[in-house]
């Protein structure tokens, strides 16, 4: 038994002390990893919210542009085709009469 003892400290005591130190270090690494992951999660959630905000803003701009496009098309129709789209009807009538004459 004298060979297993180092003074009043046994090999088992040394092993236990070393094990406690390794366990403490392991818990410290785990704690730091959790802090890192929580911070990363916070950053990703913030970026996601910013992306959603940007998407909503762009969606609103698209909607406004589509409404303006519709309004401008209506304005163009009234300026260039003031007689209730007579020009468009005349062109389509000419096409229809050409199609009919080719059938004969």
N, C-alpha and C. Protein backbone atom coordinates (compact mmCIF):
# COMPACT_ATOMS: atom_id res chain seq x y z
N UNK A 1 0.82 -1.19 0.00
CA UNK A 1 0.00 0.00 0.00
C UNK A 1 0.86 1.25 0.00
N UNK A 2 2.05 1.16 0.48
CA UNK A 2 2.94 2.31 0.56
C UNK A 2 3.30 2.80 -0.83
N UNK A 3 3.29 1.92 -1.82
CA UNK A 3 3.64 2.34 -3.18
C UNK A 3 2.50 3.12 -3.82
N UNK A 4 1.25 2.93 -3.37
CA UNK A 4 0.11 3.66 -3.94
C UNK A 4 -0.07 5.02 -3.31
N UNK A 5 0.59 5.28 -2.21
CA UNK A 5 0.41 6.56 -1.51
C UNK A 5 1.52 7.52 -1.88
N UNK A 6 1.16 8.77 -2.06
CA UNK A 6 2.13 9.84 -2.27
C UNK A 6 2.02 10.73 -1.04
N UNK A 7 2.71 10.44 -0.03
CA UNK A 7 2.53 11.15 1.23
C UNK A 7 1.20 10.73 1.80
N UNK A 8 0.32 11.70 2.06
CA UNK A 8 -1.01 11.38 2.57
C UNK A 8 -2.04 11.33 1.45
N UNK A 9 -1.61 11.58 0.21
CA UNK A 9 -2.51 11.59 -0.93
C UNK A 9 -2.33 10.30 -1.72
N UNK A 10 -3.43 9.61 -1.98
CA UNK A 10 -3.34 8.36 -2.73
C UNK A 10 -3.51 8.62 -4.22
N UNK A 11 -3.22 7.62 -5.04
CA UNK A 11 -3.42 7.73 -6.49
C UNK A 11 -4.89 7.97 -6.80
N UNK A 12 -5.76 7.34 -5.99
CA UNK A 12 -7.20 7.53 -6.18
C UNK A 12 -7.59 8.99 -5.94
N UNK A 13 -7.00 9.61 -4.92
CA UNK A 13 -7.28 11.03 -4.64
C UNK A 13 -6.80 11.91 -5.79
N UNK A 14 -5.63 11.59 -6.33
CA UNK A 14 -5.09 12.36 -7.46
C UNK A 14 -6.01 12.21 -8.67
N UNK A 15 -6.44 10.96 -8.94
CA UNK A 15 -7.32 10.70 -10.06
C UNK A 15 -8.65 11.45 -9.89
N UNK A 16 -9.19 11.44 -8.69
CA UNK A 16 -10.45 12.15 -8.42
C UNK A 16 -10.28 13.66 -8.62
N UNK A 17 -9.16 14.19 -8.14
CA UNK A 17 -8.91 15.63 -8.30
C UNK A 17 -8.78 15.98 -9.78
N UNK A 18 -8.08 15.13 -10.53
CA UNK A 18 -7.92 15.36 -11.96
C UNK A 18 -9.27 15.27 -12.67
N UNK A 19 -10.08 14.31 -12.29
CA UNK A 19 -11.41 14.14 -12.86
C UNK A 19 -12.28 15.36 -12.56
N UNK A 20 -12.23 15.86 -11.33
CA UNK A 20 -13.00 17.06 -10.98
C UNK A 20 -12.58 18.26 -11.84
N UNK A 21 -11.28 18.38 -12.04
CA UNK A 21 -10.78 19.49 -12.86
C UNK A 21 -11.25 19.36 -14.31
N UNK A 22 -11.18 18.15 -14.84
CA UNK A 22 -11.67 17.92 -16.21
C UNK A 22 -13.17 18.19 -16.30
N UNK A 23 -13.93 17.78 -15.31
CA UNK A 23 -15.37 18.03 -15.30
C UNK A 23 -15.65 19.53 -15.23
N UNK A 24 -14.89 20.24 -14.42
CA UNK A 24 -15.06 21.70 -14.31
C UNK A 24 -14.76 22.37 -15.65
N UNK A 25 -13.68 21.96 -16.28
CA UNK A 25 -13.32 22.52 -17.59
C UNK A 25 -14.39 22.19 -18.64
N UNK A 26 -14.91 20.97 -18.58
CA UNK A 26 -15.95 20.56 -19.51
C UNK A 26 -17.21 21.42 -19.33
N UNK A 27 -17.60 21.65 -18.09
CA UNK A 27 -18.77 22.51 -17.82
C UNK A 27 -18.53 23.94 -18.29
N UNK A 28 -17.30 24.42 -18.11
CA UNK A 28 -16.96 25.77 -18.56
C UNK A 28 -17.04 25.87 -20.09
N UNK A 29 -16.51 24.86 -20.80
CA UNK A 29 -16.60 24.85 -22.28
C UNK A 29 -18.07 24.82 -22.71
N UNK A 30 -18.86 23.99 -22.05
CA UNK A 30 -20.28 23.88 -22.39
C UNK A 30 -20.99 25.21 -22.14
N UNK A 31 -20.69 25.87 -21.04
CA UNK A 31 -21.30 27.17 -20.73
C UNK A 31 -20.93 28.20 -21.80
N UNK A 32 -19.66 28.24 -22.17
CA UNK A 32 -19.22 29.20 -23.20
C UNK A 32 -19.87 28.90 -24.55
N UNK A 33 -19.99 27.62 -24.88
CA UNK A 33 -20.64 27.22 -26.13
C UNK A 33 -22.10 27.67 -26.14
N UNK A 34 -22.79 27.49 -25.02
CA UNK A 34 -24.20 27.91 -24.92
C UNK A 34 -24.32 29.43 -25.07
N UNK A 35 -23.41 30.17 -24.42
CA UNK A 35 -23.43 31.63 -24.56
C UNK A 35 -23.23 32.03 -26.01
N UNK A 36 -22.30 31.37 -26.69
CA UNK A 36 -22.04 31.67 -28.10
C UNK A 36 -23.27 31.38 -28.94
N UNK A 37 -23.89 30.21 -28.73
CA UNK A 37 -25.06 29.83 -29.51
C UNK A 37 -26.24 30.77 -29.23
N UNK A 38 -26.41 31.18 -27.99
CA UNK A 38 -27.49 32.12 -27.67
C UNK A 38 -27.27 33.46 -28.36
N UNK A 39 -26.03 33.93 -28.36
CA UNK A 39 -25.72 35.20 -29.03
C UNK A 39 -25.93 35.06 -30.55
N UNK A 40 -25.48 33.95 -31.11
CA UNK A 40 -25.66 33.71 -32.53
C UNK A 40 -27.16 33.65 -32.88
N UNK A 41 -27.93 33.00 -32.03
CA UNK A 41 -29.37 32.92 -32.22
C UNK A 41 -29.99 34.32 -32.21
N UNK A 42 -29.57 35.16 -31.28
CA UNK A 42 -30.08 36.53 -31.20
C UNK A 42 -29.76 37.30 -32.48
N UNK A 43 -28.54 37.16 -32.96
CA UNK A 43 -28.13 37.85 -34.18
C UNK A 43 -28.95 37.37 -35.37
N UNK A 44 -29.13 36.06 -35.49
CA UNK A 44 -29.89 35.51 -36.62
C UNK A 44 -31.34 35.95 -36.56
N UNK A 45 -31.92 35.96 -35.37
CA UNK A 45 -33.31 36.41 -35.23
C UNK A 45 -33.45 37.89 -35.62
N UNK A 46 -32.47 38.70 -35.23
CA UNK A 46 -32.48 40.12 -35.59
C UNK A 46 -32.39 40.28 -37.11
N UNK A 47 -31.49 39.52 -37.74
CA UNK A 47 -31.34 39.58 -39.20
C UNK A 47 -32.62 39.11 -39.90
N UNK A 48 -33.25 38.08 -39.35
CA UNK A 48 -34.50 37.59 -39.92
C UNK A 48 -35.58 38.66 -39.85
N UNK A 49 -35.67 39.35 -38.72
CA UNK A 49 -36.68 40.40 -38.58
C UNK A 49 -36.39 41.55 -39.55
N UNK A 50 -35.13 41.89 -39.71
CA UNK A 50 -34.76 42.94 -40.67
C UNK A 50 -35.13 42.53 -42.09
N UNK A 51 -34.90 41.27 -42.42
CA UNK A 51 -35.25 40.77 -43.76
C UNK A 51 -36.77 40.81 -43.96
N UNK A 52 -37.51 40.44 -42.92
CA UNK A 52 -38.98 40.50 -43.02
C UNK A 52 -39.44 41.94 -43.20
N UNK A 53 -38.85 42.86 -42.44
CA UNK A 53 -39.21 44.27 -42.58
C UNK A 53 -38.91 44.77 -43.99
N UNK A 54 -37.76 44.39 -44.52
CA UNK A 54 -37.39 44.81 -45.87
C UNK A 54 -38.35 44.21 -46.90
N UNK A 55 -38.71 42.94 -46.73
CA UNK A 55 -39.67 42.29 -47.63
C UNK A 55 -41.01 43.03 -47.61
N UNK A 56 -41.49 43.37 -46.41
CA UNK A 56 -42.76 44.08 -46.30
C UNK A 56 -42.68 45.45 -46.97
N UNK A 57 -41.55 46.13 -46.78
CA UNK A 57 -41.38 47.45 -47.40
C UNK A 57 -41.37 47.31 -48.93
N UNK A 58 -40.63 46.33 -49.44
CA UNK A 58 -40.57 46.12 -50.89
C UNK A 58 -41.93 45.70 -51.45
N UNK A 59 -42.65 44.92 -50.69
CA UNK A 59 -43.99 44.50 -51.12
C UNK A 59 -44.91 45.71 -51.24
N UNK A 60 -44.81 46.62 -50.27
CA UNK A 60 -45.62 47.84 -50.32
C UNK A 60 -45.23 48.70 -51.52
N UNK A 61 -43.92 48.80 -51.78
CA UNK A 61 -43.47 49.58 -52.95
C UNK A 61 -43.97 48.95 -54.25
N UNK A 62 -43.93 47.62 -54.32
CA UNK A 62 -44.43 46.93 -55.51
C UNK A 62 -45.92 47.21 -55.70
N UNK A 63 -46.66 47.15 -54.64
CA UNK A 63 -48.10 47.40 -54.72
C UNK A 63 -48.37 48.83 -55.20
N UNK A 64 -47.62 49.78 -54.66
CA UNK A 64 -47.78 51.17 -55.10
C UNK A 64 -47.43 51.31 -56.57
N UNK A 65 -46.36 50.66 -57.00
CA UNK A 65 -45.95 50.74 -58.40
C UNK A 65 -47.00 50.12 -59.32
N UNK A 66 -47.57 49.01 -58.89
CA UNK A 66 -48.61 48.37 -59.70
C UNK A 66 -49.84 49.27 -59.80
N UNK A 67 -50.20 49.91 -58.71
CA UNK A 67 -51.35 50.83 -58.74
C UNK A 67 -51.06 52.02 -59.65
N UNK A 68 -49.85 52.56 -59.56
CA UNK A 68 -49.48 53.68 -60.42
C UNK A 68 -49.46 53.24 -61.88
N UNK A 69 -48.97 52.06 -62.14
CA UNK A 69 -48.94 51.52 -63.50
C UNK A 69 -50.36 51.42 -64.06
N UNK A 70 -51.28 50.89 -63.25
CA UNK A 70 -52.68 50.78 -63.68
C UNK A 70 -53.26 52.16 -63.96
N UNK A 71 -52.99 53.10 -63.07
CA UNK A 71 -53.49 54.47 -63.25
C UNK A 71 -52.92 55.09 -64.52
N UNK A 72 -51.63 54.91 -64.76
CA UNK A 72 -51.01 55.49 -65.95
C UNK A 72 -51.52 54.83 -67.24
N UNK A 73 -51.75 53.53 -67.20
CA UNK A 73 -52.31 52.87 -68.38
C UNK A 73 -53.71 53.42 -68.70
N UNK A 74 -54.50 53.64 -67.66
CA UNK A 74 -55.84 54.21 -67.85
C UNK A 74 -55.71 55.62 -68.43
N UNK A 75 -54.76 56.38 -67.94
CA UNK A 75 -54.55 57.75 -68.43
C UNK A 75 -54.13 57.71 -69.90
N UNK A 76 -53.22 56.81 -70.23
CA UNK A 76 -52.76 56.67 -71.62
C UNK A 76 -53.94 56.32 -72.52
N UNK A 77 -54.79 55.41 -72.07
CA UNK A 77 -55.96 55.04 -72.86
C UNK A 77 -56.87 56.25 -73.11
N UNK A 78 -57.04 57.10 -72.10
CA UNK A 78 -57.92 58.27 -72.29
C UNK A 78 -57.26 59.31 -73.18
N UNK A 79 -55.93 59.43 -73.14
CA UNK A 79 -55.25 60.42 -73.95
C UNK A 79 -55.14 59.96 -75.40
N UNK A 80 -54.73 58.74 -75.61
CA UNK A 80 -54.49 58.26 -76.96
C UNK A 80 -55.72 57.62 -77.60
N UNK A 81 -56.67 57.20 -76.82
CA UNK A 81 -57.88 56.58 -77.32
C UNK A 81 -59.09 57.23 -76.65
N UNK A 82 -59.31 58.51 -76.90
CA UNK A 82 -60.37 59.22 -76.18
C UNK A 82 -61.78 58.76 -76.58
N UNK A 83 -61.96 58.21 -77.77
CA UNK A 83 -63.29 57.79 -78.21
C UNK A 83 -63.53 56.33 -77.84
N UNK A 84 -63.34 56.02 -76.59
CA UNK A 84 -63.66 54.69 -76.06
C UNK A 84 -62.91 53.59 -76.79
N UNK A 85 -61.62 53.81 -76.95
CA UNK A 85 -60.74 52.81 -77.58
C UNK A 85 -61.10 52.54 -79.04
N UNK A 86 -61.48 53.56 -79.79
CA UNK A 86 -61.85 53.42 -81.19
C UNK A 86 -60.67 52.87 -81.99
N UNK A 87 -59.49 53.37 -81.69
CA UNK A 87 -58.30 52.94 -82.42
C UNK A 87 -58.07 51.45 -82.25
N UNK A 88 -58.20 50.96 -81.04
CA UNK A 88 -57.99 49.54 -80.78
C UNK A 88 -59.05 48.71 -81.51
N UNK A 89 -60.31 49.17 -81.50
CA UNK A 89 -61.39 48.44 -82.15
C UNK A 89 -61.16 48.42 -83.65
N UNK A 90 -60.76 49.55 -84.23
CA UNK A 90 -60.52 49.64 -85.66
C UNK A 90 -59.42 48.65 -86.06
N UNK A 91 -58.35 48.59 -85.29
CA UNK A 91 -57.25 47.66 -85.60
C UNK A 91 -57.72 46.22 -85.50
N UNK A 92 -58.48 45.90 -84.51
CA UNK A 92 -58.93 44.51 -84.37
C UNK A 92 -59.97 44.18 -85.43
N UNK A 93 -60.80 45.17 -85.88
CA UNK A 93 -61.76 44.94 -86.95
C UNK A 93 -61.03 44.67 -88.26
N UNK A 94 -59.98 45.41 -88.50
CA UNK A 94 -59.21 45.22 -89.73
C UNK A 94 -58.59 43.84 -89.74
N UNK A 95 -58.10 43.40 -88.61
CA UNK A 95 -57.52 42.06 -88.51
C UNK A 95 -58.58 41.00 -88.73
N UNK A 96 -59.75 41.20 -88.17
CA UNK A 96 -60.84 40.24 -88.31
C UNK A 96 -61.30 40.17 -89.76
N UNK A 97 -61.42 41.31 -90.43
CA UNK A 97 -61.86 41.29 -91.83
C UNK A 97 -60.82 40.65 -92.71
N UNK A 98 -59.55 40.81 -92.41
CA UNK A 98 -58.48 40.17 -93.17
C UNK A 98 -58.58 38.67 -93.00
N UNK A 99 -58.85 38.22 -91.76
CA UNK A 99 -58.98 36.79 -91.49
C UNK A 99 -60.15 36.20 -92.25
N UNK A 100 -61.28 36.95 -92.35
CA UNK A 100 -62.46 36.45 -93.04
C UNK A 100 -62.23 36.38 -94.54
N UNK A 101 -61.53 37.36 -95.08
CA UNK A 101 -61.33 37.36 -96.52
C UNK A 101 -60.36 36.25 -96.93
N UNK A 102 -59.50 35.84 -96.06
CA UNK A 102 -58.58 34.75 -96.41
C UNK A 102 -59.28 33.40 -96.39
N UNK A 103 -60.45 33.33 -95.73
CA UNK A 103 -61.20 32.06 -95.69
C UNK A 103 -61.90 31.79 -97.02
N UNK A 104 -62.15 32.82 -97.81
CA UNK A 104 -62.90 32.66 -99.06
C UNK A 104 -62.06 32.23 -100.17
